[in-house]
Amino acid sequence: MQILAKRLKELRESRRIYQREIAGYLGLSPRGYQDYETNKNDLKLKTLIAIADYYQVSIDYLVGRTDDPGFHTSEAGD
């Protein structure tokens, strides 16, 4: 998924984080994380959730379903 790789790199660079830092947070090797940014490997759901939490963005934003990075929750009964 090309948009995911692009957004991972954009988010990391905009926050001035090294690949080794996010890789360590995720329990990956720097090369393992780099493969996500270069679209050489698919993310597991658990990793995708962890990345969304780390950057405080929605999964929909990461995968290109929206251009709004924010979280939107609805109240029960809406």
PDB file of N, CA and C in Angstrom:
ATOM      1  N   MET A   1       0.854  -1.177   0.000  1.00  0.00           N
ATOM      2  CA  MET A   1       0.000   0.000   0.000  1.00  0.00           C
ATOM      3  C   MET A   1       0.895   1.234   0.000  1.00  0.00           C
ATOM      4  N   GLN A   2       1.021   1.854  -1.141  1.00  0.00           N
ATOM      5  CA  GLN A   2       1.934   2.968  -1.342  1.00  0.00           C
ATOM      6  C   GLN A   2       1.645   4.156  -0.432  1.00  0.00           C
ATOM      7  N   ILE A   3       0.382   4.483  -0.225  1.00  0.00           N
ATOM      8  CA  ILE A   3       0.036   5.645   0.611  1.00  0.00           C
ATOM      9  C   ILE A   3       0.486   5.424   2.053  1.00  0.00           C
ATOM     10  N   LEU A   4       0.388   4.209   2.547  1.00  0.00           N
ATOM     11  CA  LEU A   4       0.828   3.905   3.906  1.00  0.00           C
ATOM     12  C   LEU A   4       2.325   4.159   4.048  1.00  0.00           C
ATOM     13  N   ALA A   5       3.110   3.664   3.132  1.00  0.00           N
ATOM     14  CA  ALA A   5       4.557   3.871   3.176  1.00  0.00           C
ATOM     15  C   ALA A   5       4.892   5.363   3.152  1.00  0.00           C
ATOM     16  N   LYS A   6       4.215   6.095   2.301  1.00  0.00           N
ATOM     17  CA  LYS A   6       4.443   7.539   2.181  1.00  0.00           C
ATOM     18  C   LYS A   6       4.092   8.251   3.479  1.00  0.00           C
ATOM     19  N   ARG A   7       2.975   7.907   4.062  1.00  0.00           N
ATOM     20  CA  ARG A   7       2.552   8.580   5.297  1.00  0.00           C
ATOM     21  C   ARG A   7       3.438   8.219   6.482  1.00  0.00           C
ATOM     22  N   LEU A   8       3.902   6.987   6.534  1.00  0.00           N
ATOM     23  CA  LEU A   8       4.821   6.610   7.612  1.00  0.00           C
ATOM     24  C   LEU A   8       6.075   7.476   7.565  1.00  0.00           C
ATOM     25  N   LYS A   9       6.617   7.636   6.385  1.00  0.00           N
ATOM     26  CA  LYS A   9       7.832   8.432   6.231  1.00  0.00           C
ATOM     27  C   LYS A   9       7.568   9.903   6.531  1.00  0.00           C
ATOM     28  N   GLU A  10       6.465  10.435   6.031  1.00  0.00           N
ATOM     29  CA  GLU A  10       6.128  11.842   6.271  1.00  0.00           C
ATOM     30  C   GLU A  10       5.943  12.124   7.760  1.00  0.00           C
ATOM     31  N   LEU A  11       5.225  11.251   8.448  1.00  0.00           N
ATOM     32  CA  LEU A  11       5.000  11.447   9.881  1.00  0.00           C
ATOM     33  C   LEU A  11       6.321  11.393  10.648  1.00  0.00           C
ATOM     34  N   ARG A  12       7.141  10.426  10.335  1.00  0.00           N
ATOM     35  CA  ARG A  12       8.418  10.288  11.035  1.00  0.00           C
ATOM     36  C   ARG A  12       9.306  11.503  10.791  1.00  0.00           C
ATOM     37  N   GLU A  13       9.428  11.913   9.557  1.00  0.00           N
ATOM     38  CA  GLU A  13      10.294  13.042   9.239  1.00  0.00           C
ATOM     39  C   GLU A  13       9.762  14.355   9.801  1.00  0.00           C
ATOM     40  N   SER A  14       8.450  14.529   9.802  1.00  0.00           N
ATOM     41  CA  SER A  14       7.873  15.778  10.325  1.00  0.00           C
ATOM     42  C   SER A  14       8.105  15.920  11.831  1.00  0.00           C
ATOM     43  N   ARG A  15       8.314  14.801  12.497  1.00  0.00           N
ATOM     44  CA  ARG A  15       8.578  14.821  13.940  1.00  0.00           C
ATOM     45  C   ARG A  15      10.068  14.656  14.260  1.00  0.00           C
ATOM     46  N   ARG A  16      10.871  14.603  13.209  1.00  0.00           N
ATOM     47  CA  ARG A  16      12.332  14.470  13.326  1.00  0.00           C
ATOM     48  C   ARG A  16      12.727  13.255  14.171  1.00  0.00           C
ATOM     49  N   ILE A  17      12.152  12.138  13.807  1.00  0.00           N
ATOM     50  CA  ILE A  17      12.422  10.870  14.478  1.00  0.00           C
ATOM     51  C   ILE A  17      13.233  10.000  13.526  1.00  0.00           C
ATOM     52  N   TYR A  18      14.242   9.342  14.061  1.00  0.00           N
ATOM     53  CA  TYR A  18      15.030   8.411  13.256  1.00  0.00           C
ATOM     54  C   TYR A  18      14.298   7.076  13.135  1.00  0.00           C
ATOM     55  N   GLN A  19      14.558   6.372  12.053  1.00  0.00           N
ATOM     56  CA  GLN A  19      13.945   5.057  11.859  1.00  0.00           C
ATOM     57  C   GLN A  19      14.268   4.124  13.016  1.00  0.00           C
ATOM     58  N   ARG A  20      15.475   4.207  13.546  1.00  0.00           N
ATOM     59  CA  ARG A  20      15.858   3.319  14.643  1.00  0.00           C
ATOM     60  C   ARG A  20      15.035   3.582  15.904  1.00  0.00           C
ATOM     61  N   GLU A  21      14.579   4.841  16.094  1.00  0.00           N
ATOM     62  CA  GLU A  21      13.762   5.170  17.261  1.00  0.00           C
ATOM     63  C   GLU A  21      12.384   4.512  17.178  1.00  0.00           C
ATOM     64  N   ILE A  22      11.714   4.690  16.047  1.00  0.00           N
ATOM     65  CA  ILE A  22      10.378   4.095  15.895  1.00  0.00           C
ATOM     66  C   ILE A  22      10.492   2.575  15.837  1.00  0.00           C
ATOM     67  N   ALA A  23      11.556   2.067  15.218  1.00  0.00           N
ATOM     68  CA  ALA A  23      11.767   0.618  15.166  1.00  0.00           C
ATOM     69  C   ALA A  23      11.905   0.064  16.583  1.00  0.00           C
ATOM     70  N   GLY A  24      12.672   0.736  17.428  1.00  0.00           N
ATOM     71  CA  GLY A  24      12.832   0.298  18.813  1.00  0.00           C
ATOM     72  C   GLY A  24      11.522   0.310  19.567  1.00  0.00           C
ATOM     73  N   TYR A  25      10.719   1.349  19.356  1.00  0.00           N
ATOM     74  CA  TYR A  25       9.399   1.437  19.996  1.00  0.00           C
ATOM     75  C   TYR A  25       8.520   0.252  19.596  1.00  0.00           C
ATOM     76  N   LEU A  26       8.627  -0.141  18.345  1.00  0.00           N
ATOM     77  CA  LEU A  26       7.796  -1.225  17.816  1.00  0.00           C
ATOM     78  C   LEU A  26       8.399  -2.609  18.049  1.00  0.00           C
ATOM     79  N   GLY A  27       9.619  -2.652  18.556  1.00  0.00           N
ATOM     80  CA  GLY A  27      10.287  -3.934  18.764  1.00  0.00           C
ATOM     81  C   GLY A  27      10.778  -4.565  17.473  1.00  0.00           C
ATOM     82  N   LEU A  28      11.153  -3.720  16.520  1.00  0.00           N
ATOM     83  CA  LEU A  28      11.628  -4.174  15.212  1.00  0.00           C
ATOM     84  C   LEU A  28      13.079  -3.772  15.021  1.00  0.00           C
ATOM     85  N   SER A  29      13.733  -4.396  14.061  1.00  0.00           N
ATOM     86  CA  SER A  29      15.047  -3.926  13.657  1.00  0.00           C
ATOM     87  C   SER A  29      14.841  -2.678  12.794  1.00  0.00           C
ATOM     88  N   PRO A  30      15.848  -1.802  12.733  1.00  0.00           N
ATOM     89  CA  PRO A  30      15.701  -0.643  11.844  1.00  0.00           C
ATOM     90  C   PRO A  30      15.401  -1.057  10.399  1.00  0.00           C
ATOM     91  N   ARG A  31      16.023  -2.144   9.945  1.00  0.00           N
ATOM     92  CA  ARG A  31      15.773  -2.634   8.584  1.00  0.00           C
ATOM     93  C   ARG A  31      14.321  -3.103   8.429  1.00  0.00           C
ATOM     94  N   GLY A  32      13.803  -3.761   9.459  1.00  0.00           N
ATOM     95  CA  GLY A  32      12.414  -4.210   9.424  1.00  0.00           C
ATOM     96  C   GLY A  32      11.456  -3.048   9.285  1.00  0.00           C
ATOM     97  N   TYR A  33      11.726  -1.977  10.023  1.00  0.00           N
ATOM     98  CA  TYR A  33      10.870  -0.796   9.910  1.00  0.00           C
ATOM     99  C   TYR A  33      11.054  -0.127   8.550  1.00  0.00           C
ATOM    100  N   GLN A  34      12.297  -0.049   8.087  1.00  0.00           N
ATOM    101  CA  GLN A  34      12.570   0.577   6.791  1.00  0.00           C
ATOM    102  C   GLN A  34      11.773  -0.099   5.675  1.00  0.00           C
ATOM    103  N   ASP A  35      11.594  -1.404   5.791  1.00  0.00           N
ATOM    104  CA  ASP A  35      10.816  -2.127   4.783  1.00  0.00           C
ATOM    105  C   ASP A  35       9.364  -1.666   4.726  1.00  0.00           C
ATOM    106  N   TYR A  36       8.835  -1.164   5.826  1.00  0.00           N
ATOM    107  CA  TYR A  36       7.476  -0.608   5.810  1.00  0.00           C
ATOM    108  C   TYR A  36       7.452   0.718   5.050  1.00  0.00           C
ATOM    109  N   GLU A  37       8.449   1.559   5.289  1.00  0.00           N
ATOM    110  CA  GLU A  37       8.493   2.861   4.626  1.00  0.00           C
ATOM    111  C   GLU A  37       8.793   2.756   3.137  1.00  0.00           C
ATOM    112  N   THR A  38       9.424   1.686   2.727  1.00  0.00           N
ATOM    113  CA  THR A  38       9.731   1.506   1.306  1.00  0.00           C
ATOM    114  C   THR A  38       8.747   0.557   0.628  1.00  0.00           C
ATOM    115  N   ASN A  39       7.703   0.193   1.346  1.00  0.00           N
ATOM    116  CA  ASN A  39       6.623  -0.639   0.817  1.00  0.00           C
ATOM    117  C   ASN A  39       7.099  -2.027   0.395  1.00  0.00           C
ATOM    118  N   LYS A  40       8.124  -2.556   1.092  1.00  0.00           N
ATOM    119  CA  LYS A  40       8.630  -3.887   0.790  1.00  0.00           C
ATOM    120  C   LYS A  40       8.007  -4.961   1.667  1.00  0.00           C
ATOM    121  N   ASN A  41       7.282  -4.543   2.700  1.00  0.00           N
ATOM    122  CA  ASN A  41       6.684  -5.492   3.619  1.00  0.00           C
ATOM    123  C   ASN A  41       5.355  -4.939   4.120  1.00  0.00           C
ATOM    124  N   ASP A  42       4.388  -5.805   4.326  1.00  0.00           N
ATOM    125  CA  ASP A  42       3.089  -5.398   4.844  1.00  0.00           C
ATOM    126  C   ASP A  42       3.098  -5.390   6.363  1.00  0.00           C
ATOM    127  N   LEU A  43       2.387  -4.434   6.917  1.00  0.00           N
ATOM    128  CA  LEU A  43       2.271  -4.309   8.370  1.00  0.00           C
ATOM    129  C   LEU A  43       1.253  -5.287   8.925  1.00  0.00           C
ATOM    130  N   LYS A  44       1.532  -5.821  10.095  1.00  0.00           N
ATOM    131  CA  LYS A  44       0.537  -6.589  10.824  1.00  0.00           C
ATOM    132  C   LYS A  44      -0.387  -5.594  11.511  1.00  0.00           C
ATOM    133  N   LEU A  45      -1.611  -6.014  11.770  1.00  0.00           N
ATOM    134  CA  LEU A  45      -2.580  -5.127  12.398  1.00  0.00           C
ATOM    135  C   LEU A  45      -2.065  -4.581  13.724  1.00  0.00           C
ATOM    136  N   LYS A  46      -1.450  -5.425  14.527  1.00  0.00           N
ATOM    137  CA  LYS A  46      -0.909  -5.008  15.823  1.00  0.00           C
ATOM    138  C   LYS A  46       0.106  -3.875  15.642  1.00  0.00           C
ATOM    139  N   THR A  47       0.945  -3.970  14.640  1.00  0.00           N
ATOM    140  CA  THR A  47       1.953  -2.941  14.371  1.00  0.00           C
ATOM    141  C   THR A  47       1.309  -1.674  13.856  1.00  0.00           C
ATOM    142  N   LEU A  48       0.311  -1.810  13.000  1.00  0.00           N
ATOM    143  CA  LEU A  48      -0.408  -0.656  12.478  1.00  0.00           C
ATOM    144  C   LEU A  48      -1.069   0.127  13.613  1.00  0.00           C
ATOM    145  N   ILE A  49      -1.682  -0.576  14.542  1.00  0.00           N
ATOM    146  CA  ILE A  49      -2.314   0.072  15.694  1.00  0.00           C
ATOM    147  C   ILE A  49      -1.261   0.787  16.535  1.00  0.00           C
ATOM    148  N   ALA A  50      -0.132   0.133  16.768  1.00  0.00           N
ATOM    149  CA  ALA A  50       0.933   0.742  17.567  1.00  0.00           C
ATOM    150  C   ALA A  50       1.470   2.015  16.911  1.00  0.00           C
ATOM    151  N   ILE A  51       1.608   2.013  15.600  1.00  0.00           N
ATOM    152  CA  ILE A  51       2.089   3.201  14.887  1.00  0.00           C
ATOM    153  C   ILE A  51       1.062   4.324  14.974  1.00  0.00           C
ATOM    154  N   ALA A  52      -0.201   4.001  14.788  1.00  0.00           N
ATOM    155  CA  ALA A  52      -1.258   5.015  14.904  1.00  0.00           C
ATOM    156  C   ALA A  52      -1.256   5.629  16.305  1.00  0.00           C
ATOM    157  N   ASP A  53      -1.100   4.804  17.308  1.00  0.00           N
ATOM    158  CA  ASP A  53      -1.037   5.300  18.686  1.00  0.00           C
ATOM    159  C   ASP A  53       0.195   6.168  18.899  1.00  0.00           C
ATOM    160  N   TYR A  54       1.315   5.736  18.392  1.00  0.00           N
ATOM    161  CA  TYR A  54       2.573   6.472  18.556  1.00  0.00           C
ATOM    162  C   TYR A  54       2.464   7.886  17.980  1.00  0.00           C
ATOM    163  N   TYR A  55       1.936   7.987  16.775  1.00  0.00           N
ATOM    164  CA  TYR A  55       1.817   9.285  16.111  1.00  0.00           C
ATOM    165  C   TYR A  55       0.513  10.009  16.448  1.00  0.00           C
ATOM    166  N   GLN A  56      -0.366   9.356  17.164  1.00  0.00           N
ATOM    167  CA  GLN A  56      -1.674   9.895  17.538  1.00  0.00           C
ATOM    168  C   GLN A  56      -2.475  10.325  16.308  1.00  0.00           C
ATOM    169  N   VAL A  57      -2.562   9.391  15.366  1.00  0.00           N
ATOM    170  CA  VAL A  57      -3.362   9.574  14.160  1.00  0.00           C
ATOM    171  C   VAL A  57      -4.271   8.361  14.009  1.00  0.00           C
ATOM    172  N   SER A  58      -5.255   8.477  13.161  1.00  0.00           N
ATOM    173  CA  SER A  58      -6.153   7.354  12.934  1.00  0.00           C
ATOM    174  C   SER A  58      -5.550   6.356  11.946  1.00  0.00           C
ATOM    175  N   ILE A  59      -5.977   5.133  12.058  1.00  0.00           N
ATOM    176  CA  ILE A  59      -5.548   4.108  11.098  1.00  0.00           C
ATOM    177  C   ILE A  59      -6.073   4.462   9.712  1.00  0.00           C
ATOM    178  N   ASP A  60      -7.276   5.005   9.635  1.00  0.00           N
ATOM    179  CA  ASP A  60      -7.826   5.421   8.341  1.00  0.00           C
ATOM    180  C   ASP A  60      -6.900   6.427   7.651  1.00  0.00           C
ATOM    181  N   TYR A  61      -6.310   7.321   8.422  1.00  0.00           N
ATOM    182  CA  TYR A  61      -5.359   8.281   7.845  1.00  0.00           C
ATOM    183  C   TYR A  61      -4.121   7.555   7.319  1.00  0.00           C
ATOM    184  N   LEU A  62      -3.586   6.660   8.113  1.00  0.00           N
ATOM    185  CA  LEU A  62      -2.373   5.947   7.700  1.00  0.00           C
ATOM    186  C   LEU A  62      -2.568   5.189   6.400  1.00  0.00           C
ATOM    187  N   VAL A  63      -3.725   4.566   6.231  1.00  0.00           N
ATOM    188  CA  VAL A  63      -3.938   3.739   5.038  1.00  0.00           C
ATOM    189  C   VAL A  63      -4.589   4.491   3.881  1.00  0.00           C
ATOM    190  N   GLY A  64      -4.817   5.799   4.047  1.00  0.00           N
ATOM    191  CA  GLY A  64      -5.312   6.607   2.940  1.00  0.00           C
ATOM    192  C   GLY A  64      -6.810   6.664   2.771  1.00  0.00           C
ATOM    193  N   ARG A  65      -7.568   6.225   3.775  1.00  0.00           N
ATOM    194  CA  ARG A  65      -9.028   6.300   3.667  1.00  0.00           C
ATOM    195  C   ARG A  65      -9.549   7.697   3.954  1.00  0.00           C
ATOM    196  N   THR A  66      -8.704   8.537   4.561  1.00  0.00           N
ATOM    197  CA  THR A  66      -9.040   9.931   4.817  1.00  0.00           C
ATOM    198  C   THR A  66      -7.754  10.735   4.828  1.00  0.00           C
ATOM    199  N   ASP A  67      -7.890  12.025   4.572  1.00  0.00           N
ATOM    200  CA  ASP A  67      -6.735  12.914   4.662  1.00  0.00           C
ATOM    201  C   ASP A  67      -6.702  13.642   6.000  1.00  0.00           C
ATOM    202  N   ASP A  68      -7.672  13.356   6.860  1.00  0.00           N
ATOM    203  CA  ASP A  68      -7.749  13.941   8.190  1.00  0.00           C
ATOM    204  C   ASP A  68      -7.062  12.999   9.173  1.00  0.00           C
ATOM    205  N   PRO A  69      -5.927  13.402   9.754  1.00  0.00           N
ATOM    206  CA  PRO A  69      -5.204  12.502  10.645  1.00  0.00           C
ATOM    207  C   PRO A  69      -5.842  12.312  12.016  1.00  0.00           C
ATOM    208  N   GLY A  70      -6.853  13.111  12.346  1.00  0.00           N
ATOM    209  CA  GLY A  70      -7.418  13.077  13.691  1.00  0.00           C
ATOM    210  C   GLY A  70      -8.300  11.887  13.963  1.00  0.00           C
ATOM    211  N   PHE A  71      -8.501  11.656  15.252  1.00  0.00           N
ATOM    212  CA  PHE A  71      -9.421  10.622  15.704  1.00  0.00           C
ATOM    213  C   PHE A  71     -10.823  11.203  15.777  1.00  0.00           C
ATOM    214  N   HIS A  72     -11.804  10.423  15.407  1.00  0.00           N
ATOM    215  CA  HIS A  72     -13.199  10.830  15.539  1.00  0.00           C
ATOM    216  C   HIS A  72     -13.958   9.693  16.169  1.00  0.00           C
ATOM    217  N   THR A  73     -14.538   9.953  17.307  1.00  0.00           N
ATOM    218  CA  THR A  73     -15.323   8.926  17.977  1.00  0.00           C
ATOM    219  C   THR A  73     -16.765   9.378  18.011  1.00  0.00           C
ATOM    220  N   SER A  74     -17.650   8.437  18.069  1.00  0.00           N
ATOM    221  CA  SER A  74     -19.065   8.781  18.180  1.00  0.00           C
ATOM    222  C   SER A  74     -19.575   8.270  19.524  1.00  0.00           C
ATOM    223  N   GLU A  75     -20.490   9.010  20.078  1.00  0.00           N
ATOM    224  CA  GLU A  75     -21.112   8.608  21.333  1.00  0.00           C
ATOM    225  C   GLU A  75     -22.176   7.569  21.053  1.00  0.00           C
ATOM    226  N   ALA A  76     -22.405   6.687  21.999  1.00  0.00           N
ATOM    227  CA  ALA A  76     -23.457   5.676  21.854  1.00  0.00           C
ATOM    228  C   ALA A  76     -24.800   6.389  21.656  1.00  0.00           C
ATOM    229  N   GLY A  77     -25.551   5.930  20.706  1.00  0.00           N
ATOM    230  CA  GLY A  77     -26.864   6.519  20.450  1.00  0.00           C
ATOM    231  C   GLY A  77     -26.864   7.621  19.410  1.00  0.00           C
ATOM    232  N   ASP A  78     -25.701   7.931  18.835  1.00  0.00           N
ATOM    233  CA  ASP A  78     -25.642   8.964  17.792  1.00  0.00           C
ATOM    234  C   ASP A  78     -26.277   8.484  16.517  1.00  0.00           C
TER     235      ASP A  78
END
